[in-house]
Amino acid sequence: MIIELDTEVLSSLSLSPDEMVYLQILSVQGTNTGPLPGQMAVKLSVDLEKLENDGWIKLGEDVVHLRERFFSLKGNFEQQWAALLSRFPIKVSTKEGVRVLRAADPDSNSNAKAKKKYKAIVSKSPGLHERILKGLEIELALKRQTNSLGYMQMLDTWINNSTWEKYLSSDVKSNSDTDESNSGRITRLL
């Protein structure tokens, strides 16, 4: 099992990486009727009482159940898909004319492959959808500043290449993320 953790999301939720891994393992198992955190094959430092007090789990006599708070963290995929499409351009202008990047209908056949791939990606990690949207916003802002929106990738290519990761890296910053007044500047760490 591969679990991706976003430390910013963990910090905002007041969860340690071990606690999130425990919750993820618990979500795969359904309930924890097996060994508790200290008895698992993977050594995790988890305060079950804290997780229960914070509303993540419900402790039974010999069982641990996830609460709705964890499932709401994963989000409703249809809402996530709609949020991505509401921000991703349908078409862009180029020197030659107009280029279509995605279908306008979220449930169209031409969006089906991208939707399936996106669902597989965001189901890996809670909070990943928000990071993807942030990366998209940074990319759009940079492309608008440099008048290069016409070079935007098509939706399926953008998802398959995980393009948002390039814009989330510390190498690229938009003007909204910095206090610098240099319009359209890209900063690279050497």
N, C-alpha and C. Protein backbone atom coordinates (compact mmCIF):
# COMPACT_ATOMS: atom_id res chain seq x y z
N MET A 1 0.84 -1.17 0.00
CA MET A 1 0.00 0.00 0.00
C MET A 1 0.89 1.24 0.00
N ILE A 2 0.60 2.18 -0.88
CA ILE A 2 1.33 3.43 -0.94
C ILE A 2 0.44 4.52 -0.37
N ILE A 3 0.95 5.24 0.62
CA ILE A 3 0.20 6.32 1.23
C ILE A 3 1.01 7.59 1.08
N GLU A 4 0.43 8.58 0.40
CA GLU A 4 1.10 9.87 0.25
C GLU A 4 0.59 10.80 1.34
N LEU A 5 1.51 11.51 1.98
CA LEU A 5 1.14 12.41 3.05
C LEU A 5 1.55 13.83 2.70
N ASP A 6 0.65 14.76 2.89
CA ASP A 6 0.93 16.17 2.69
C ASP A 6 1.08 16.78 4.08
N THR A 7 2.28 17.19 4.41
CA THR A 7 2.54 17.69 5.77
C THR A 7 1.76 18.96 6.07
N GLU A 8 1.47 19.77 5.06
CA GLU A 8 0.65 20.97 5.29
C GLU A 8 -0.75 20.59 5.71
N VAL A 9 -1.32 19.59 5.06
CA VAL A 9 -2.66 19.12 5.41
C VAL A 9 -2.64 18.52 6.81
N LEU A 10 -1.63 17.72 7.10
CA LEU A 10 -1.53 17.11 8.43
C LEU A 10 -1.45 18.18 9.51
N SER A 11 -0.66 19.19 9.27
CA SER A 11 -0.52 20.27 10.24
C SER A 11 -1.84 20.98 10.48
N SER A 12 -2.58 21.25 9.40
CA SER A 12 -3.86 21.93 9.55
C SER A 12 -4.89 21.07 10.27
N LEU A 13 -4.74 19.76 10.21
CA LEU A 13 -5.66 18.84 10.88
C LEU A 13 -5.18 18.43 12.27
N SER A 14 -4.00 18.88 12.67
CA SER A 14 -3.38 18.52 13.95
C SER A 14 -3.20 17.01 14.07
N LEU A 15 -2.73 16.40 12.99
CA LEU A 15 -2.45 14.97 12.97
C LEU A 15 -0.98 14.75 12.70
N SER A 16 -0.42 13.73 13.34
CA SER A 16 0.95 13.34 13.05
C SER A 16 0.94 12.41 11.84
N PRO A 17 2.08 12.25 11.16
CA PRO A 17 2.12 11.30 10.04
C PRO A 17 1.73 9.89 10.48
N ASP A 18 2.17 9.46 11.65
CA ASP A 18 1.81 8.13 12.14
C ASP A 18 0.29 8.00 12.32
N GLU A 19 -0.35 9.05 12.83
CA GLU A 19 -1.79 8.99 13.03
C GLU A 19 -2.53 8.90 11.70
N MET A 20 -2.06 9.63 10.70
CA MET A 20 -2.71 9.57 9.39
C MET A 20 -2.51 8.21 8.74
N VAL A 21 -1.31 7.65 8.87
CA VAL A 21 -1.07 6.30 8.33
C VAL A 21 -2.00 5.30 9.02
N TYR A 22 -2.14 5.43 10.33
CA TYR A 22 -3.04 4.54 11.06
C TYR A 22 -4.47 4.67 10.55
N LEU A 23 -4.94 5.91 10.36
CA LEU A 23 -6.30 6.13 9.86
C LEU A 23 -6.47 5.57 8.46
N GLN A 24 -5.44 5.71 7.62
CA GLN A 24 -5.51 5.17 6.26
C GLN A 24 -5.58 3.64 6.29
N ILE A 25 -4.76 3.03 7.12
CA ILE A 25 -4.78 1.56 7.25
C ILE A 25 -6.14 1.11 7.75
N LEU A 26 -6.67 1.84 8.72
CA LEU A 26 -7.98 1.53 9.28
C LEU A 26 -9.07 1.65 8.22
N SER A 27 -8.94 2.63 7.33
CA SER A 27 -9.95 2.80 6.28
C SER A 27 -9.93 1.64 5.29
N VAL A 28 -8.76 1.06 5.05
CA VAL A 28 -8.66 -0.09 4.15
C VAL A 28 -9.24 -1.32 4.82
N GLN A 29 -8.97 -1.49 6.12
CA GLN A 29 -9.47 -2.66 6.85
C GLN A 29 -10.95 -2.55 7.17
N GLY A 30 -11.48 -1.35 7.26
CA GLY A 30 -12.88 -1.14 7.66
C GLY A 30 -12.97 -0.86 9.14
N THR A 31 -12.53 -1.78 9.94
CA THR A 31 -12.41 -1.58 11.39
C THR A 31 -11.12 -2.24 11.82
N ASN A 32 -10.65 -1.86 12.97
CA ASN A 32 -9.43 -2.48 13.48
C ASN A 32 -9.81 -3.51 14.51
N THR A 33 -9.91 -4.76 14.08
CA THR A 33 -10.18 -5.84 15.01
C THR A 33 -8.90 -6.62 15.28
N GLY A 34 -7.86 -6.24 14.59
CA GLY A 34 -6.57 -6.90 14.77
C GLY A 34 -5.73 -6.17 15.79
N PRO A 35 -4.44 -6.23 15.63
CA PRO A 35 -3.55 -5.60 16.58
C PRO A 35 -3.71 -4.08 16.59
N LEU A 36 -3.59 -3.50 17.76
CA LEU A 36 -3.63 -2.05 17.92
C LEU A 36 -2.30 -1.46 17.50
N PRO A 37 -2.18 -0.12 17.37
CA PRO A 37 -1.00 0.52 16.78
C PRO A 37 0.33 -0.01 17.29
N GLY A 38 0.48 -0.22 18.57
CA GLY A 38 1.76 -0.70 19.09
C GLY A 38 2.05 -2.14 18.73
N GLN A 39 1.02 -2.87 18.28
CA GLN A 39 1.17 -4.29 17.97
C GLN A 39 1.21 -4.56 16.47
N MET A 40 1.13 -3.52 15.63
CA MET A 40 1.13 -3.71 14.19
C MET A 40 2.53 -4.05 13.69
N ALA A 41 2.60 -4.61 12.49
CA ALA A 41 3.89 -4.92 11.88
C ALA A 41 4.71 -3.64 11.67
N VAL A 42 4.00 -2.54 11.40
CA VAL A 42 4.64 -1.24 11.26
C VAL A 42 4.50 -0.54 12.61
N LYS A 43 5.59 -0.06 13.15
CA LYS A 43 5.55 0.62 14.44
C LYS A 43 5.05 2.04 14.25
N LEU A 44 3.90 2.33 14.84
CA LEU A 44 3.31 3.66 14.75
C LEU A 44 3.09 4.22 16.15
N SER A 45 3.34 5.48 16.30
CA SER A 45 3.08 6.15 17.57
C SER A 45 1.75 6.87 17.44
N VAL A 46 0.69 6.25 17.97
CA VAL A 46 -0.66 6.77 17.81
C VAL A 46 -1.32 6.88 19.18
N ASP A 47 -1.88 8.05 19.47
CA ASP A 47 -2.64 8.28 20.69
C ASP A 47 -4.12 8.08 20.36
N LEU A 48 -4.64 6.88 20.65
CA LEU A 48 -6.01 6.55 20.29
C LEU A 48 -7.02 7.44 21.00
N GLU A 49 -6.74 7.80 22.25
CA GLU A 49 -7.66 8.67 22.99
C GLU A 49 -7.75 10.05 22.35
N LYS A 50 -6.61 10.57 21.88
CA LYS A 50 -6.60 11.87 21.20
C LYS A 50 -7.41 11.79 19.91
N LEU A 51 -7.20 10.70 19.14
CA LEU A 51 -7.95 10.53 17.89
C LEU A 51 -9.45 10.43 18.16
N GLU A 52 -9.82 9.77 19.27
CA GLU A 52 -11.24 9.67 19.62
C GLU A 52 -11.78 11.03 20.06
N ASN A 53 -11.04 11.74 20.89
CA ASN A 53 -11.48 13.07 21.35
C ASN A 53 -11.59 14.07 20.21
N ASP A 54 -10.72 13.93 19.19
CA ASP A 54 -10.75 14.84 18.04
C ASP A 54 -11.79 14.43 17.00
N GLY A 55 -12.48 13.31 17.24
CA GLY A 55 -13.56 12.90 16.35
C GLY A 55 -13.16 12.08 15.14
N TRP A 56 -11.97 11.49 15.15
CA TRP A 56 -11.52 10.69 14.02
C TRP A 56 -11.97 9.24 14.12
N ILE A 57 -12.00 8.69 15.35
CA ILE A 57 -12.33 7.28 15.55
C ILE A 57 -13.30 7.13 16.71
N LYS A 58 -13.89 5.95 16.83
CA LYS A 58 -14.72 5.57 17.96
C LYS A 58 -14.15 4.27 18.50
N LEU A 59 -13.75 4.29 19.77
CA LEU A 59 -13.17 3.11 20.39
C LEU A 59 -14.28 2.24 20.96
N GLY A 60 -14.23 0.95 20.65
CA GLY A 60 -15.13 -0.03 21.24
C GLY A 60 -14.31 -0.89 22.20
N GLU A 61 -14.88 -2.00 22.64
CA GLU A 61 -14.14 -2.86 23.56
C GLU A 61 -12.91 -3.46 22.89
N ASP A 62 -13.10 -4.11 21.78
CA ASP A 62 -11.97 -4.71 21.05
C ASP A 62 -11.95 -4.27 19.59
N VAL A 63 -12.55 -3.13 19.30
CA VAL A 63 -12.67 -2.69 17.92
C VAL A 63 -12.53 -1.17 17.85
N VAL A 64 -12.00 -0.71 16.72
CA VAL A 64 -11.87 0.73 16.47
C VAL A 64 -12.58 1.03 15.16
N HIS A 65 -13.49 2.00 15.18
CA HIS A 65 -14.24 2.39 13.98
C HIS A 65 -13.84 3.81 13.57
N LEU A 66 -13.76 4.02 12.26
CA LEU A 66 -13.55 5.38 11.75
C LEU A 66 -14.85 6.15 11.85
N ARG A 67 -14.74 7.43 12.11
CA ARG A 67 -15.92 8.29 12.16
C ARG A 67 -16.05 9.05 10.84
N GLU A 68 -17.17 9.71 10.68
CA GLU A 68 -17.48 10.44 9.45
C GLU A 68 -16.45 11.52 9.15
N ARG A 69 -15.81 12.07 10.16
CA ARG A 69 -14.83 13.14 9.95
C ARG A 69 -13.72 12.68 8.98
N PHE A 70 -13.27 11.44 9.12
CA PHE A 70 -12.23 10.93 8.23
C PHE A 70 -12.75 10.79 6.81
N PHE A 71 -13.96 10.26 6.65
CA PHE A 71 -14.51 10.04 5.31
C PHE A 71 -14.81 11.37 4.62
N SER A 72 -15.21 12.38 5.37
CA SER A 72 -15.46 13.68 4.76
C SER A 72 -14.15 14.31 4.31
N LEU A 73 -13.04 13.94 4.95
CA LEU A 73 -11.73 14.44 4.56
C LEU A 73 -11.37 13.96 3.16
N LYS A 74 -11.74 12.74 2.84
CA LYS A 74 -11.47 12.20 1.51
C LYS A 74 -12.31 12.90 0.45
N GLY A 75 -13.44 13.42 0.84
CA GLY A 75 -14.25 14.22 -0.07
C GLY A 75 -15.11 13.39 -0.99
N ASN A 76 -16.06 14.07 -1.59
CA ASN A 76 -16.95 13.47 -2.56
C ASN A 76 -16.29 13.65 -3.93
N PHE A 77 -16.00 12.58 -4.61
CA PHE A 77 -15.26 12.67 -5.86
C PHE A 77 -16.00 13.50 -6.91
N GLU A 78 -17.31 13.37 -7.00
CA GLU A 78 -18.05 14.13 -8.01
C GLU A 78 -17.89 15.63 -7.78
N GLN A 79 -17.86 16.05 -6.52
CA GLN A 79 -17.64 17.47 -6.21
C GLN A 79 -16.21 17.87 -6.57
N GLN A 80 -15.26 17.00 -6.31
CA GLN A 80 -13.86 17.29 -6.63
C GLN A 80 -13.69 17.42 -8.15
N TRP A 81 -14.30 16.52 -8.89
CA TRP A 81 -14.21 16.54 -10.35
C TRP A 81 -14.83 17.84 -10.89
N ALA A 82 -15.98 18.20 -10.35
CA ALA A 82 -16.65 19.44 -10.78
C ALA A 82 -15.78 20.66 -10.45
N ALA A 83 -15.12 20.64 -9.28
CA ALA A 83 -14.25 21.76 -8.90
C ALA A 83 -13.07 21.89 -9.85
N LEU A 84 -12.48 20.76 -10.24
CA LEU A 84 -11.36 20.80 -11.18
C LEU A 84 -11.82 21.36 -12.53
N LEU A 85 -12.94 20.85 -13.02
CA LEU A 85 -13.43 21.30 -14.32
C LEU A 85 -13.87 22.76 -14.31
N SER A 86 -14.34 23.24 -13.17
CA SER A 86 -14.77 24.64 -13.11
C SER A 86 -13.57 25.59 -13.23
N ARG A 87 -12.38 25.10 -12.91
CA ARG A 87 -11.18 25.94 -12.97
C ARG A 87 -10.36 25.70 -14.24
N PHE A 88 -10.45 24.50 -14.78
CA PHE A 88 -9.64 24.16 -15.95
C PHE A 88 -10.30 24.74 -17.21
N PRO A 89 -9.55 25.49 -18.01
CA PRO A 89 -10.14 26.13 -19.19
C PRO A 89 -10.72 25.12 -20.18
N ILE A 90 -11.83 25.51 -20.82
CA ILE A 90 -12.43 24.68 -21.85
C ILE A 90 -11.66 24.86 -23.16
N LYS A 91 -11.32 26.11 -23.47
CA LYS A 91 -10.57 26.39 -24.70
C LYS A 91 -9.66 27.58 -24.46
N VAL A 92 -8.64 27.69 -25.29
CA VAL A 92 -7.69 28.80 -25.21
C VAL A 92 -7.48 29.36 -26.61
N SER A 93 -7.11 30.63 -26.66
CA SER A 93 -6.81 31.27 -27.94
C SER A 93 -5.33 31.11 -28.25
N THR A 94 -5.06 30.82 -29.49
CA THR A 94 -3.68 30.72 -29.98
C THR A 94 -3.53 31.65 -31.17
N LYS A 95 -2.33 31.73 -31.70
CA LYS A 95 -2.10 32.56 -32.89
C LYS A 95 -2.91 32.06 -34.08
N GLU A 96 -3.10 30.74 -34.14
CA GLU A 96 -3.82 30.13 -35.26
C GLU A 96 -5.33 30.14 -35.08
N GLY A 97 -5.81 30.39 -33.86
CA GLY A 97 -7.25 30.36 -33.61
C GLY A 97 -7.55 29.91 -32.20
N VAL A 98 -8.47 28.96 -32.08
CA VAL A 98 -8.90 28.46 -30.78
C VAL A 98 -8.54 26.99 -30.67
N ARG A 99 -8.04 26.60 -29.48
CA ARG A 99 -7.70 25.21 -29.19
C ARG A 99 -8.58 24.72 -28.05
N VAL A 100 -9.26 23.60 -28.22
CA VAL A 100 -10.12 23.02 -27.19
C VAL A 100 -9.28 22.14 -26.29
N LEU A 101 -9.40 22.36 -24.95
CA LEU A 101 -8.61 21.60 -23.98
C LEU A 101 -9.40 20.47 -23.32
N ARG A 102 -10.70 20.64 -23.26
CA ARG A 102 -11.55 19.61 -22.65
C ARG A 102 -12.98 19.82 -23.11
N ALA A 103 -13.82 18.82 -22.91
CA ALA A 103 -15.23 18.95 -23.25
C ALA A 103 -15.94 19.77 -22.17
N ALA A 104 -16.94 20.51 -22.57
CA ALA A 104 -17.68 21.34 -21.63
C ALA A 104 -18.52 20.50 -20.67
N ASP A 105 -19.04 19.37 -21.14
CA ASP A 105 -19.87 18.49 -20.32
C ASP A 105 -18.99 17.60 -19.46
N PRO A 106 -19.10 17.70 -18.12
CA PRO A 106 -18.26 16.89 -17.24
C PRO A 106 -18.42 15.38 -17.43
N ASP A 107 -19.61 14.96 -17.89
CA ASP A 107 -19.88 13.52 -18.04
C ASP A 107 -19.74 13.04 -19.47
N SER A 108 -19.12 13.84 -20.33
CA SER A 108 -18.97 13.44 -21.73
C SER A 108 -17.97 12.29 -21.86
N ASN A 109 -18.09 11.57 -22.95
CA ASN A 109 -17.18 10.45 -23.21
C ASN A 109 -15.73 10.91 -23.35
N SER A 110 -15.53 12.10 -23.89
CA SER A 110 -14.15 12.57 -24.08
C SER A 110 -13.49 12.93 -22.75
N ASN A 111 -14.26 13.18 -21.70
CA ASN A 111 -13.70 13.45 -20.37
C ASN A 111 -13.60 12.18 -19.52
N ALA A 112 -14.17 11.07 -19.98
CA ALA A 112 -14.26 9.85 -19.16
C ALA A 112 -12.89 9.31 -18.76
N LYS A 113 -11.96 9.27 -19.69
CA LYS A 113 -10.63 8.73 -19.39
C LYS A 113 -9.91 9.61 -18.36
N ALA A 114 -10.00 10.93 -18.54
CA ALA A 114 -9.38 11.86 -17.59
C ALA A 114 -10.04 11.74 -16.22
N LYS A 115 -11.35 11.58 -16.19
CA LYS A 115 -12.07 11.46 -14.92
C LYS A 115 -11.65 10.21 -14.16
N LYS A 116 -11.53 9.11 -14.88
CA LYS A 116 -11.12 7.84 -14.25
C LYS A 116 -9.70 7.97 -13.68
N LYS A 117 -8.81 8.56 -14.43
CA LYS A 117 -7.42 8.75 -13.98
C LYS A 117 -7.38 9.69 -12.77
N TYR A 118 -8.15 10.78 -12.81
CA TYR A 118 -8.17 11.74 -11.70
C TYR A 118 -8.70 11.08 -10.43
N LYS A 119 -9.71 10.24 -10.57
CA LYS A 119 -10.26 9.54 -9.40
C LYS A 119 -9.21 8.64 -8.77
N ALA A 120 -8.44 7.95 -9.60
CA ALA A 120 -7.37 7.09 -9.09
C ALA A 120 -6.30 7.91 -8.36
N ILE A 121 -6.02 9.10 -8.86
CA ILE A 121 -4.99 9.94 -8.26
C ILE A 121 -5.44 10.52 -6.93
N VAL A 122 -6.63 11.11 -6.87
CA VAL A 122 -7.07 11.78 -5.63
C VAL A 122 -7.48 10.80 -4.55
N SER A 123 -7.77 9.56 -4.91
CA SER A 123 -8.14 8.58 -3.89
C SER A 123 -6.92 8.12 -3.09
N LYS A 124 -5.71 8.42 -3.58
CA LYS A 124 -4.48 8.00 -2.89
C LYS A 124 -4.25 8.74 -1.58
N SER A 125 -4.65 9.99 -1.54
CA SER A 125 -4.27 10.81 -0.39
C SER A 125 -5.30 11.89 -0.09
N PRO A 126 -5.76 11.96 1.16
CA PRO A 126 -6.63 13.06 1.53
C PRO A 126 -5.88 14.38 1.39
N GLY A 127 -6.53 15.37 0.89
CA GLY A 127 -5.90 16.68 0.72
C GLY A 127 -5.19 16.87 -0.60
N LEU A 128 -5.01 15.80 -1.36
CA LEU A 128 -4.31 15.91 -2.63
C LEU A 128 -5.10 16.75 -3.63
N HIS A 129 -6.41 16.63 -3.61
CA HIS A 129 -7.25 17.40 -4.53
C HIS A 129 -7.01 18.90 -4.35
N GLU A 130 -6.94 19.36 -3.11
CA GLU A 130 -6.71 20.78 -2.85
C GLU A 130 -5.35 21.22 -3.38
N ARG A 131 -4.35 20.38 -3.24
CA ARG A 131 -3.02 20.70 -3.76
C ARG A 131 -3.02 20.76 -5.29
N ILE A 132 -3.77 19.88 -5.91
CA ILE A 132 -3.86 19.89 -7.37
C ILE A 132 -4.50 21.19 -7.84
N LEU A 133 -5.57 21.60 -7.17
CA LEU A 133 -6.23 22.85 -7.54
C LEU A 133 -5.29 24.04 -7.33
N LYS A 134 -4.51 24.00 -6.27
CA LYS A 134 -3.55 25.08 -6.02
C LYS A 134 -2.51 25.14 -7.14
N GLY A 135 -2.01 23.98 -7.55
CA GLY A 135 -1.05 23.92 -8.65
C GLY A 135 -1.64 24.45 -9.94
N LEU A 136 -2.91 24.12 -10.20
CA LEU A 136 -3.59 24.61 -11.40
C LEU A 136 -3.72 26.13 -11.36
N GLU A 137 -4.09 26.66 -10.21
CA GLU A 137 -4.23 28.12 -10.08
C GLU A 137 -2.90 28.83 -10.30
N ILE A 138 -1.82 28.26 -9.78
CA ILE A 138 -0.49 28.85 -9.98
C ILE A 138 -0.12 28.82 -11.46
N GLU A 139 -0.36 27.67 -12.10
CA GLU A 139 -0.04 27.56 -13.53
C GLU A 139 -0.84 28.56 -14.36
N LEU A 140 -2.13 28.66 -14.09
CA LEU A 140 -2.97 29.59 -14.84
C LEU A 140 -2.52 31.04 -14.64
N ALA A 141 -2.17 31.40 -13.41
CA ALA A 141 -1.72 32.76 -13.12
C ALA A 141 -0.43 33.07 -13.88
N LEU A 142 0.51 32.12 -13.87
CA LEU A 142 1.77 32.32 -14.58
C LEU A 142 1.56 32.42 -16.09
N LYS A 143 0.72 31.56 -16.62
CA LYS A 143 0.47 31.57 -18.08
C LYS A 143 -0.26 32.84 -18.50
N ARG A 144 -1.13 33.34 -17.64
CA ARG A 144 -1.81 34.60 -17.97
C ARG A 144 -0.84 35.77 -17.93
N GLN A 145 0.08 35.77 -16.97
CA GLN A 145 1.06 36.85 -16.85
C GLN A 145 1.98 36.92 -18.05
N THR A 146 2.31 35.76 -18.58
CA THR A 146 3.27 35.70 -19.70
C THR A 146 2.56 35.53 -21.05
N ASN A 147 1.25 35.67 -21.06
CA ASN A 147 0.46 35.51 -22.28
C ASN A 147 0.76 34.19 -23.00
N SER A 148 0.90 33.12 -22.24
CA SER A 148 1.20 31.82 -22.85
C SER A 148 0.11 30.80 -22.55
N LEU A 149 -1.11 31.26 -22.28
CA LEU A 149 -2.22 30.36 -21.99
C LEU A 149 -2.50 29.42 -23.17
N GLY A 150 -2.16 29.84 -24.36
CA GLY A 150 -2.35 29.01 -25.55
C GLY A 150 -1.53 27.73 -25.54
N TYR A 151 -0.52 27.67 -24.66
CA TYR A 151 0.33 26.48 -24.56
C TYR A 151 -0.12 25.52 -23.46
N MET A 152 -1.28 25.78 -22.90
CA MET A 152 -1.82 24.91 -21.84
C MET A 152 -2.06 23.51 -22.40
N GLN A 153 -1.77 22.50 -21.58
CA GLN A 153 -1.98 21.12 -22.01
C GLN A 153 -3.47 20.78 -22.00
N MET A 154 -3.84 19.78 -22.79
CA MET A 154 -5.20 19.27 -22.74
C MET A 154 -5.40 18.59 -21.39
N LEU A 155 -6.66 18.50 -20.95
CA LEU A 155 -6.97 17.97 -19.61
C LEU A 155 -6.37 16.60 -19.37
N ASP A 156 -6.56 15.64 -20.30
CA ASP A 156 -6.02 14.29 -20.04
C ASP A 156 -4.51 14.30 -19.95
N THR A 157 -3.85 15.07 -20.78
CA THR A 157 -2.39 15.16 -20.72
C THR A 157 -1.95 15.79 -19.42
N TRP A 158 -2.66 16.83 -19.00
CA TRP A 158 -2.34 17.55 -17.76
C TRP A 158 -2.43 16.61 -16.56
N ILE A 159 -3.48 15.77 -16.54
CA ILE A 159 -3.66 14.82 -15.43
C ILE A 159 -2.63 13.70 -15.53
N ASN A 160 -2.44 13.11 -16.71
CA ASN A 160 -1.49 12.00 -16.87
C ASN A 160 -0.06 12.39 -16.53
N ASN A 161 0.31 13.63 -16.85
CA ASN A 161 1.68 14.09 -16.57
C ASN A 161 1.85 14.66 -15.18
N SER A 162 0.78 14.70 -14.40
CA SER A 162 0.82 15.30 -13.05
C SER A 162 1.45 16.70 -13.12
N THR A 163 1.02 17.49 -14.06
CA THR A 163 1.61 18.80 -14.33
C THR A 163 1.54 19.72 -13.13
N TRP A 164 0.52 19.60 -12.29
CA TRP A 164 0.40 20.47 -11.12
C TRP A 164 1.62 20.39 -10.22
N GLU A 165 2.29 19.23 -10.19
CA GLU A 165 3.46 19.06 -9.32
C GLU A 165 4.57 20.03 -9.69
N LYS A 166 4.70 20.35 -10.97
CA LYS A 166 5.73 21.29 -11.42
C LYS A 166 5.49 22.67 -10.84
N TYR A 167 4.24 23.05 -10.69
CA TYR A 167 3.90 24.38 -10.23
C TYR A 167 3.81 24.45 -8.70
N LEU A 168 3.74 23.32 -8.05
CA LEU A 168 3.72 23.31 -6.59
C LEU A 168 5.12 23.28 -5.99
N SER A 169 6.11 22.98 -6.83
CA SER A 169 7.48 22.90 -6.31
C SER A 169 7.93 24.26 -5.82
N SER A 170 8.96 24.28 -5.03
CA SER A 170 9.46 25.54 -4.48
C SER A 170 10.21 26.34 -5.53
N ASP A 171 10.46 25.74 -6.69
CA ASP A 171 11.20 26.44 -7.75
C ASP A 171 10.37 27.51 -8.44
N VAL A 172 9.06 27.33 -8.49
CA VAL A 172 8.20 28.23 -9.25
C VAL A 172 7.24 28.91 -8.29
N LYS A 173 7.18 30.24 -8.35
CA LYS A 173 6.27 30.98 -7.51
C LYS A 173 5.53 32.00 -8.36
N SER A 174 4.23 32.11 -8.10
CA SER A 174 3.46 33.15 -8.79
C SER A 174 3.52 34.42 -7.97
N ASN A 175 3.14 35.54 -8.56
CA ASN A 175 3.16 36.80 -7.83
C ASN A 175 2.23 36.76 -6.63
N SER A 176 1.17 35.96 -6.67
CA SER A 176 0.27 35.89 -5.54
C SER A 176 0.91 35.18 -4.35
N ASP A 177 1.93 34.37 -4.59
CA ASP A 177 2.60 33.65 -3.51
C ASP A 177 3.79 34.41 -2.95
N THR A 178 4.19 35.49 -3.56
CA THR A 178 5.36 36.22 -3.09
C THR A 178 5.03 37.67 -2.90
N ASP A 179 5.88 38.38 -2.20
CA ASP A 179 5.71 39.81 -2.00
C ASP A 179 6.47 40.60 -3.05
N GLU A 180 7.13 39.93 -3.96
CA GLU A 180 7.90 40.61 -4.99
C GLU A 180 6.95 41.28 -5.98
N SER A 181 7.38 42.39 -6.51
CA SER A 181 6.53 43.09 -7.47
C SER A 181 6.99 42.85 -8.91
N ASN A 182 7.87 41.89 -9.13
CA ASN A 182 8.37 41.59 -10.47
C ASN A 182 7.32 40.77 -11.21
N SER A 183 6.59 41.40 -12.10
CA SER A 183 5.51 40.75 -12.82
C SER A 183 6.05 39.68 -13.76
N GLY A 184 5.46 38.45 -13.67
CA GLY A 184 5.81 37.38 -14.58
C GLY A 184 7.15 36.73 -14.30
N ARG A 185 7.74 36.99 -13.18
CA ARG A 185 9.07 36.45 -12.89
C ARG A 185 8.96 35.03 -12.35
N ILE A 186 9.83 34.17 -12.84
CA ILE A 186 9.92 32.80 -12.34
C ILE A 186 11.24 32.68 -11.60
N THR A 187 11.14 32.21 -10.37
CA THR A 187 12.33 32.09 -9.54
C THR A 187 12.77 30.64 -9.49
N ARG A 188 14.03 30.39 -9.71
CA ARG A 188 14.57 29.04 -9.63
C ARG A 188 15.66 29.00 -8.58
N LEU A 189 15.64 27.96 -7.77
CA LEU A 189 16.69 27.76 -6.78
C LEU A 189 17.82 27.00 -7.43
N LEU A 190 19.03 27.48 -7.29
CA LEU A 190 20.19 26.81 -7.89
C LEU A 190 21.06 26.22 -6.83
